[in-house]
Amino acid sequence: MEERLKALEIAIKLEEDGKKFYNELAEKATDPFEGRFFFALAHEERGHHLSFWDYREYLEDPAGWFSMKEGFRLDGG
């Protein structure tokens, strides 16, 4: 389990770095198509980041993760 969490932390960091890199390239782009392309790549990196983050949450607390995903509520009634 610890190895998976360490690997996820590395993956999350790499995705954050990738997102920052592509956003910087998009901001520096002089061609609008090039800028949109780099923003699209940054968006892809964000999706990867969120997937890894979600998987980490699952590994750390499976019961809480399922409760959040399935929307269990306590109604007190």
PDB file of N, CA and C in Angstrom:
ATOM      1  N   MET A   1       0.826  -1.202   0.000  1.00  0.00           N
ATOM      2  CA  MET A   1       0.000   0.000   0.000  1.00  0.00           C
ATOM      3  C   MET A   1       0.864   1.258   0.000  1.00  0.00           C
ATOM      4  N   GLU A   2       1.879   1.279   0.849  1.00  0.00           N
ATOM      5  CA  GLU A   2       2.742   2.458   0.930  1.00  0.00           C
ATOM      6  C   GLU A   2       3.402   2.776  -0.404  1.00  0.00           C
ATOM      7  N   GLU A   3       3.785   1.728  -1.144  1.00  0.00           N
ATOM      8  CA  GLU A   3       4.431   1.947  -2.432  1.00  0.00           C
ATOM      9  C   GLU A   3       3.471   2.622  -3.411  1.00  0.00           C
ATOM     10  N   ARG A   4       2.200   2.188  -3.371  1.00  0.00           N
ATOM     11  CA  ARG A   4       1.206   2.797  -4.263  1.00  0.00           C
ATOM     12  C   ARG A   4       0.995   4.264  -3.925  1.00  0.00           C
ATOM     13  N   LEU A   5       0.935   4.564  -2.636  1.00  0.00           N
ATOM     14  CA  LEU A   5       0.742   5.955  -2.231  1.00  0.00           C
ATOM     15  C   LEU A   5       1.936   6.816  -2.623  1.00  0.00           C
ATOM     16  N   LYS A   6       3.144   6.283  -2.463  1.00  0.00           N
ATOM     17  CA  LYS A   6       4.335   7.035  -2.876  1.00  0.00           C
ATOM     18  C   LYS A   6       4.311   7.277  -4.376  1.00  0.00           C
ATOM     19  N   ALA A   7       3.961   6.241  -5.137  1.00  0.00           N
ATOM     20  CA  ALA A   7       3.888   6.385  -6.592  1.00  0.00           C
ATOM     21  C   ALA A   7       2.838   7.415  -6.988  1.00  0.00           C
ATOM     22  N   LEU A   8       1.707   7.418  -6.300  1.00  0.00           N
ATOM     23  CA  LEU A   8       0.653   8.395  -6.590  1.00  0.00           C
ATOM     24  C   LEU A   8       1.105   9.811  -6.281  1.00  0.00           C
ATOM     25  N   GLU A   9       1.829   9.995  -5.184  1.00  0.00           N
ATOM     26  CA  GLU A   9       2.331  11.332  -4.857  1.00  0.00           C
ATOM     27  C   GLU A   9       3.266  11.838  -5.952  1.00  0.00           C
ATOM     28  N   ILE A  10       4.118  10.944  -6.463  1.00  0.00           N
ATOM     29  CA  ILE A  10       5.012  11.321  -7.556  1.00  0.00           C
ATOM     30  C   ILE A  10       4.209  11.665  -8.803  1.00  0.00           C
ATOM     31  N   ALA A  11       3.229  10.827  -9.118  1.00  0.00           N
ATOM     32  CA  ALA A  11       2.398  11.062 -10.305  1.00  0.00           C
ATOM     33  C   ALA A  11       1.634  12.373 -10.190  1.00  0.00           C
ATOM     34  N   ILE A  12       1.090  12.650  -9.032  1.00  0.00           N
ATOM     35  CA  ILE A  12       0.344  13.896  -8.816  1.00  0.00           C
ATOM     36  C   ILE A  12       1.267  15.098  -9.020  1.00  0.00           C
ATOM     37  N   LYS A  13       2.471  15.021  -8.478  1.00  0.00           N
ATOM     38  CA  LYS A  13       3.446  16.110  -8.644  1.00  0.00           C
ATOM     39  C   LYS A  13       3.806  16.303 -10.116  1.00  0.00           C
ATOM     40  N   LEU A  14       4.018  15.205 -10.833  1.00  0.00           N
ATOM     41  CA  LEU A  14       4.356  15.314 -12.252  1.00  0.00           C
ATOM     42  C   LEU A  14       3.221  15.942 -13.055  1.00  0.00           C
ATOM     43  N   GLU A  15       1.992  15.577 -12.727  1.00  0.00           N
ATOM     44  CA  GLU A  15       0.853  16.164 -13.435  1.00  0.00           C
ATOM     45  C   GLU A  15       0.732  17.653 -13.124  1.00  0.00           C
ATOM     46  N   GLU A  16       0.970  18.040 -11.867  1.00  0.00           N
ATOM     47  CA  GLU A  16       0.941  19.460 -11.514  1.00  0.00           C
ATOM     48  C   GLU A  16       2.011  20.226 -12.282  1.00  0.00           C
ATOM     49  N   ASP A  17       3.214  19.641 -12.351  1.00  0.00           N
ATOM     50  CA  ASP A  17       4.300  20.284 -13.088  1.00  0.00           C
ATOM     51  C   ASP A  17       3.961  20.389 -14.580  1.00  0.00           C
ATOM     52  N   GLY A  18       3.373  19.333 -15.132  1.00  0.00           N
ATOM     53  CA  GLY A  18       2.988  19.343 -16.544  1.00  0.00           C
ATOM     54  C   GLY A  18       1.942  20.401 -16.830  1.00  0.00           C
ATOM     55  N   LYS A  19       0.960  20.496 -15.940  1.00  0.00           N
ATOM     56  CA  LYS A  19      -0.098  21.502 -16.107  1.00  0.00           C
ATOM     57  C   LYS A  19       0.492  22.911 -16.081  1.00  0.00           C
ATOM     58  N   LYS A  20       1.392  23.156 -15.147  1.00  0.00           N
ATOM     59  CA  LYS A  20       2.039  24.469 -15.053  1.00  0.00           C
ATOM     60  C   LYS A  20       2.862  24.755 -16.317  1.00  0.00           C
ATOM     61  N   PHE A  21       3.610  23.761 -16.778  1.00  0.00           N
ATOM     62  CA  PHE A  21       4.445  23.904 -17.970  1.00  0.00           C
ATOM     63  C   PHE A  21       3.598  24.272 -19.189  1.00  0.00           C
ATOM     64  N   TYR A  22       2.520  23.538 -19.421  1.00  0.00           N
ATOM     65  CA  TYR A  22       1.681  23.800 -20.590  1.00  0.00           C
ATOM     66  C   TYR A  22       0.957  25.137 -20.481  1.00  0.00           C
ATOM     67  N   ASN A  23       0.542  25.514 -19.281  1.00  0.00           N
ATOM     68  CA  ASN A  23      -0.086  26.829 -19.110  1.00  0.00           C
ATOM     69  C   ASN A  23       0.899  27.954 -19.424  1.00  0.00           C
ATOM     70  N   GLU A  24       2.139  27.779 -18.990  1.00  0.00           N
ATOM     71  CA  GLU A  24       3.158  28.791 -19.296  1.00  0.00           C
ATOM     72  C   GLU A  24       3.396  28.890 -20.804  1.00  0.00           C
ATOM     73  N   LEU A  25       3.472  27.744 -21.475  1.00  0.00           N
ATOM     74  CA  LEU A  25       3.647  27.763 -22.929  1.00  0.00           C
ATOM     75  C   LEU A  25       2.450  28.417 -23.619  1.00  0.00           C
ATOM     76  N   ALA A  26       1.261  28.149 -23.115  1.00  0.00           N
ATOM     77  CA  ALA A  26       0.060  28.739 -23.708  1.00  0.00           C
ATOM     78  C   ALA A  26       0.074  30.255 -23.562  1.00  0.00           C
ATOM     79  N   GLU A  27       0.498  30.726 -22.407  1.00  0.00           N
ATOM     80  CA  GLU A  27       0.537  32.173 -22.180  1.00  0.00           C
ATOM     81  C   GLU A  27       1.593  32.861 -23.042  1.00  0.00           C
ATOM     82  N   LYS A  28       2.670  32.153 -23.372  1.00  0.00           N
ATOM     83  CA  LYS A  28       3.745  32.718 -24.189  1.00  0.00           C
ATOM     84  C   LYS A  28       3.473  32.589 -25.687  1.00  0.00           C
ATOM     85  N   ALA A  29       2.513  31.763 -26.047  1.00  0.00           N
ATOM     86  CA  ALA A  29       2.260  31.501 -27.473  1.00  0.00           C
ATOM     87  C   ALA A  29       1.811  32.777 -28.178  1.00  0.00           C
ATOM     88  N   THR A  30       2.318  32.971 -29.387  1.00  0.00           N
ATOM     89  CA  THR A  30       1.916  34.130 -30.182  1.00  0.00           C
ATOM     90  C   THR A  30       0.802  33.762 -31.155  1.00  0.00           C
ATOM     91  N   ASP A  31       0.705  32.509 -31.497  1.00  0.00           N
ATOM     92  CA  ASP A  31      -0.345  32.024 -32.396  1.00  0.00           C
ATOM     93  C   ASP A  31      -1.528  31.542 -31.551  1.00  0.00           C
ATOM     94  N   PRO A  32      -2.750  32.027 -31.821  1.00  0.00           N
ATOM     95  CA  PRO A  32      -3.898  31.628 -31.011  1.00  0.00           C
ATOM     96  C   PRO A  32      -4.165  30.117 -31.026  1.00  0.00           C
ATOM     97  N   PHE A  33      -3.924  29.476 -32.166  1.00  0.00           N
ATOM     98  CA  PHE A  33      -4.134  28.032 -32.237  1.00  0.00           C
ATOM     99  C   PHE A  33      -3.132  27.295 -31.345  1.00  0.00           C
ATOM    100  N   GLU A  34      -1.916  27.783 -31.351  1.00  0.00           N
ATOM    101  CA  GLU A  34      -0.877  27.191 -30.506  1.00  0.00           C
ATOM    102  C   GLU A  34      -1.248  27.360 -29.028  1.00  0.00           C
ATOM    103  N   GLY A  35      -1.717  28.539 -28.678  1.00  0.00           N
ATOM    104  CA  GLY A  35      -2.132  28.796 -27.303  1.00  0.00           C
ATOM    105  C   GLY A  35      -3.250  27.872 -26.865  1.00  0.00           C
ATOM    106  N   ARG A  36      -4.248  27.712 -27.718  1.00  0.00           N
ATOM    107  CA  ARG A  36      -5.362  26.816 -27.385  1.00  0.00           C
ATOM    108  C   ARG A  36      -4.893  25.377 -27.265  1.00  0.00           C
ATOM    109  N   PHE A  37      -3.951  24.982 -28.120  1.00  0.00           N
ATOM    110  CA  PHE A  37      -3.409  23.631 -28.063  1.00  0.00           C
ATOM    111  C   PHE A  37      -2.746  23.384 -26.703  1.00  0.00           C
ATOM    112  N   PHE A  38      -1.914  24.328 -26.255  1.00  0.00           N
ATOM    113  CA  PHE A  38      -1.244  24.153 -24.969  1.00  0.00           C
ATOM    114  C   PHE A  38      -2.223  24.214 -23.804  1.00  0.00           C
ATOM    115  N   PHE A  39      -3.259  25.061 -23.902  1.00  0.00           N
ATOM    116  CA  PHE A  39      -4.286  25.077 -22.855  1.00  0.00           C
ATOM    117  C   PHE A  39      -5.033  23.745 -22.820  1.00  0.00           C
ATOM    118  N   ALA A  40      -5.261  23.146 -23.985  1.00  0.00           N
ATOM    119  CA  ALA A  40      -5.911  21.833 -24.037  1.00  0.00           C
ATOM    120  C   ALA A  40      -5.034  20.773 -23.370  1.00  0.00           C
ATOM    121  N   LEU A  41      -3.728  20.836 -23.613  1.00  0.00           N
ATOM    122  CA  LEU A  41      -2.818  19.891 -22.966  1.00  0.00           C
ATOM    123  C   LEU A  41      -2.804  20.096 -21.452  1.00  0.00           C
ATOM    124  N   ALA A  42      -2.841  21.342 -21.013  1.00  0.00           N
ATOM    125  CA  ALA A  42      -2.896  21.625 -19.577  1.00  0.00           C
ATOM    126  C   ALA A  42      -4.175  21.057 -18.975  1.00  0.00           C
ATOM    127  N   HIS A  43      -5.268  21.170 -19.716  1.00  0.00           N
ATOM    128  CA  HIS A  43      -6.549  20.627 -19.252  1.00  0.00           C
ATOM    129  C   HIS A  43      -6.473  19.098 -19.125  1.00  0.00           C
ATOM    130  N   GLU A  44      -5.818  18.458 -20.068  1.00  0.00           N
ATOM    131  CA  GLU A  44      -5.618  17.002 -19.994  1.00  0.00           C
ATOM    132  C   GLU A  44      -4.816  16.631 -18.750  1.00  0.00           C
ATOM    133  N   GLU A  45      -3.766  17.393 -18.481  1.00  0.00           N
ATOM    134  CA  GLU A  45      -2.950  17.127 -17.299  1.00  0.00           C
ATOM    135  C   GLU A  45      -3.785  17.290 -16.030  1.00  0.00           C
ATOM    136  N   ARG A  46      -4.673  18.263 -16.028  1.00  0.00           N
ATOM    137  CA  ARG A  46      -5.548  18.475 -14.871  1.00  0.00           C
ATOM    138  C   ARG A  46      -6.443  17.256 -14.659  1.00  0.00           C
ATOM    139  N   GLY A  47      -6.958  16.696 -15.743  1.00  0.00           N
ATOM    140  CA  GLY A  47      -7.782  15.499 -15.636  1.00  0.00           C
ATOM    141  C   GLY A  47      -7.005  14.330 -15.058  1.00  0.00           C
ATOM    142  N   HIS A  48      -5.763  14.170 -15.500  1.00  0.00           N
ATOM    143  CA  HIS A  48      -4.921  13.106 -14.949  1.00  0.00           C
ATOM    144  C   HIS A  48      -4.682  13.339 -13.461  1.00  0.00           C
ATOM    145  N   HIS A  49      -4.385  14.588 -13.124  1.00  0.00           N
ATOM    146  CA  HIS A  49      -4.134  14.955 -11.724  1.00  0.00           C
ATOM    147  C   HIS A  49      -5.341  14.583 -10.861  1.00  0.00           C
ATOM    148  N   LEU A  50      -6.526  14.936 -11.317  1.00  0.00           N
ATOM    149  CA  LEU A  50      -7.730  14.644 -10.539  1.00  0.00           C
ATOM    150  C   LEU A  50      -7.977  13.140 -10.418  1.00  0.00           C
ATOM    151  N   SER A  51      -7.669  12.387 -11.444  1.00  0.00           N
ATOM    152  CA  SER A  51      -7.820  10.926 -11.386  1.00  0.00           C
ATOM    153  C   SER A  51      -6.871  10.324 -10.361  1.00  0.00           C
ATOM    154  N   PHE A  52      -5.625  10.766 -10.370  1.00  0.00           N
ATOM    155  CA  PHE A  52      -4.661  10.258  -9.392  1.00  0.00           C
ATOM    156  C   PHE A  52      -5.059  10.663  -7.979  1.00  0.00           C
ATOM    157  N   TRP A  53      -5.506  11.893  -7.826  1.00  0.00           N
ATOM    158  CA  TRP A  53      -5.931  12.387  -6.521  1.00  0.00           C
ATOM    159  C   TRP A  53      -7.109  11.552  -6.004  1.00  0.00           C
ATOM    160  N   ASP A  54      -8.056  11.265  -6.889  1.00  0.00           N
ATOM    161  CA  ASP A  54      -9.220  10.468  -6.524  1.00  0.00           C
ATOM    162  C   ASP A  54      -8.802   9.055  -6.101  1.00  0.00           C
ATOM    163  N   TYR A  55      -7.880   8.462  -6.826  1.00  0.00           N
ATOM    164  CA  TYR A  55      -7.402   7.125  -6.489  1.00  0.00           C
ATOM    165  C   TYR A  55      -6.683   7.127  -5.139  1.00  0.00           C
ATOM    166  N   ARG A  56      -5.906   8.178  -4.878  1.00  0.00           N
ATOM    167  CA  ARG A  56      -5.249   8.297  -3.572  1.00  0.00           C
ATOM    168  C   ARG A  56      -6.273   8.366  -2.449  1.00  0.00           C
ATOM    169  N   GLU A  57      -7.333   9.137  -2.669  1.00  0.00           N
ATOM    170  CA  GLU A  57      -8.398   9.224  -1.660  1.00  0.00           C
ATOM    171  C   GLU A  57      -9.025   7.853  -1.403  1.00  0.00           C
ATOM    172  N   TYR A  58      -9.214   7.092  -2.468  1.00  0.00           N
ATOM    173  CA  TYR A  58      -9.771   5.746  -2.325  1.00  0.00           C
ATOM    174  C   TYR A  58      -8.844   4.854  -1.493  1.00  0.00           C
ATOM    175  N   LEU A  59      -7.553   4.891  -1.804  1.00  0.00           N
ATOM    176  CA  LEU A  59      -6.608   4.043  -1.074  1.00  0.00           C
ATOM    177  C   LEU A  59      -6.518   4.417   0.403  1.00  0.00           C
ATOM    178  N   GLU A  60      -6.594   5.700   0.689  1.00  0.00           N
ATOM    179  CA  GLU A  60      -6.458   6.154   2.069  1.00  0.00           C
ATOM    180  C   GLU A  60      -7.712   5.894   2.900  1.00  0.00           C
ATOM    181  N   ASP A  61      -8.890   5.946   2.275  1.00  0.00           N
ATOM    182  CA  ASP A  61     -10.145   5.766   3.012  1.00  0.00           C
ATOM    183  C   ASP A  61     -11.221   5.206   2.085  1.00  0.00           C
ATOM    184  N   PRO A  62     -11.177   3.892   1.817  1.00  0.00           N
ATOM    185  CA  PRO A  62     -12.148   3.310   0.872  1.00  0.00           C
ATOM    186  C   PRO A  62     -13.609   3.529   1.288  1.00  0.00           C
ATOM    187  N   ALA A  63     -13.911   3.361   2.567  1.00  0.00           N
ATOM    188  CA  ALA A  63     -15.301   3.521   3.019  1.00  0.00           C
ATOM    189  C   ALA A  63     -15.773   4.955   2.819  1.00  0.00           C
ATOM    190  N   GLY A  64     -14.928   5.914   3.181  1.00  0.00           N
ATOM    191  CA  GLY A  64     -15.286   7.317   2.990  1.00  0.00           C
ATOM    192  C   GLY A  64     -15.404   7.670   1.526  1.00  0.00           C
ATOM    193  N   TRP A  65     -14.532   7.103   0.705  1.00  0.00           N
ATOM    194  CA  TRP A  65     -14.568   7.349  -0.740  1.00  0.00           C
ATOM    195  C   TRP A  65     -15.883   6.858  -1.327  1.00  0.00           C
ATOM    196  N   PHE A  66     -16.306   5.624  -0.948  1.00  0.00           N
ATOM    197  CA  PHE A  66     -17.569   5.096  -1.460  1.00  0.00           C
ATOM    198  C   PHE A  66     -18.749   5.923  -0.975  1.00  0.00           C
ATOM    199  N   SER A  67     -18.706   6.349   0.269  1.00  0.00           N
ATOM    200  CA  SER A  67     -19.794   7.187   0.792  1.00  0.00           C
ATOM    201  C   SER A  67     -19.906   8.482   0.001  1.00  0.00           C
ATOM    202  N   MET A  68     -18.769   9.085  -0.294  1.00  0.00           N
ATOM    203  CA  MET A  68     -18.773  10.339  -1.045  1.00  0.00           C
ATOM    204  C   MET A  68     -19.283  10.115  -2.469  1.00  0.00           C
ATOM    205  N   LYS A  69     -18.816   9.058  -3.119  1.00  0.00           N
ATOM    206  CA  LYS A  69     -19.189   8.801  -4.507  1.00  0.00           C
ATOM    207  C   LYS A  69     -20.650   8.387  -4.644  1.00  0.00           C
ATOM    208  N   GLU A  70     -21.144   7.623  -3.676  1.00  0.00           N
ATOM    209  CA  GLU A  70     -22.524   7.150  -3.763  1.00  0.00           C
ATOM    210  C   GLU A  70     -23.521   8.102  -3.128  1.00  0.00           C
ATOM    211  N   GLY A  71     -23.009   9.108  -2.429  1.00  0.00           N
ATOM    212  CA  GLY A  71     -23.872  10.148  -1.894  1.00  0.00           C
ATOM    213  C   GLY A  71     -24.718   9.731  -0.707  1.00  0.00           C
ATOM    214  N   PHE A  72     -24.177   8.867   0.131  1.00  0.00           N
ATOM    215  CA  PHE A  72     -24.940   8.473   1.322  1.00  0.00           C
ATOM    216  C   PHE A  72     -25.175   9.688   2.209  1.00  0.00           C
ATOM    217  N   ARG A  73     -26.370   9.758   2.746  1.00  0.00           N
ATOM    218  CA  ARG A  73     -26.726  10.862   3.632  1.00  0.00           C
ATOM    219  C   ARG A  73     -27.378  10.298   4.892  1.00  0.00           C
ATOM    220  N   LEU A  74     -27.143  10.962   5.997  1.00  0.00           N
ATOM    221  CA  LEU A  74     -27.832  10.613   7.231  1.00  0.00           C
ATOM    222  C   LEU A  74     -28.973  11.600   7.393  1.00  0.00           C
ATOM    223  N   ASP A  75     -30.183  11.059   7.492  1.00  0.00           N
ATOM    224  CA  ASP A  75     -31.335  11.976   7.577  1.00  0.00           C
ATOM    225  C   ASP A  75     -31.855  12.123   8.985  1.00  0.00           C
ATOM    226  N   GLY A  76     -31.390  11.307   9.929  1.00  0.00           N
ATOM    227  CA  GLY A  76     -31.791  11.444  11.331  1.00  0.00           C
ATOM    228  C   GLY A  76     -33.241  11.093  11.583  1.00  0.00           C
ATOM    229  N   GLY A  77     -33.942  10.517  10.591  1.00  0.00           N
ATOM    230  CA  GLY A  77     -35.354  10.228  10.777  1.00  0.00           C
ATOM    231  C   GLY A  77     -35.731   8.855  10.872  1.00  0.00           C
TER     232      GLY A  77
END
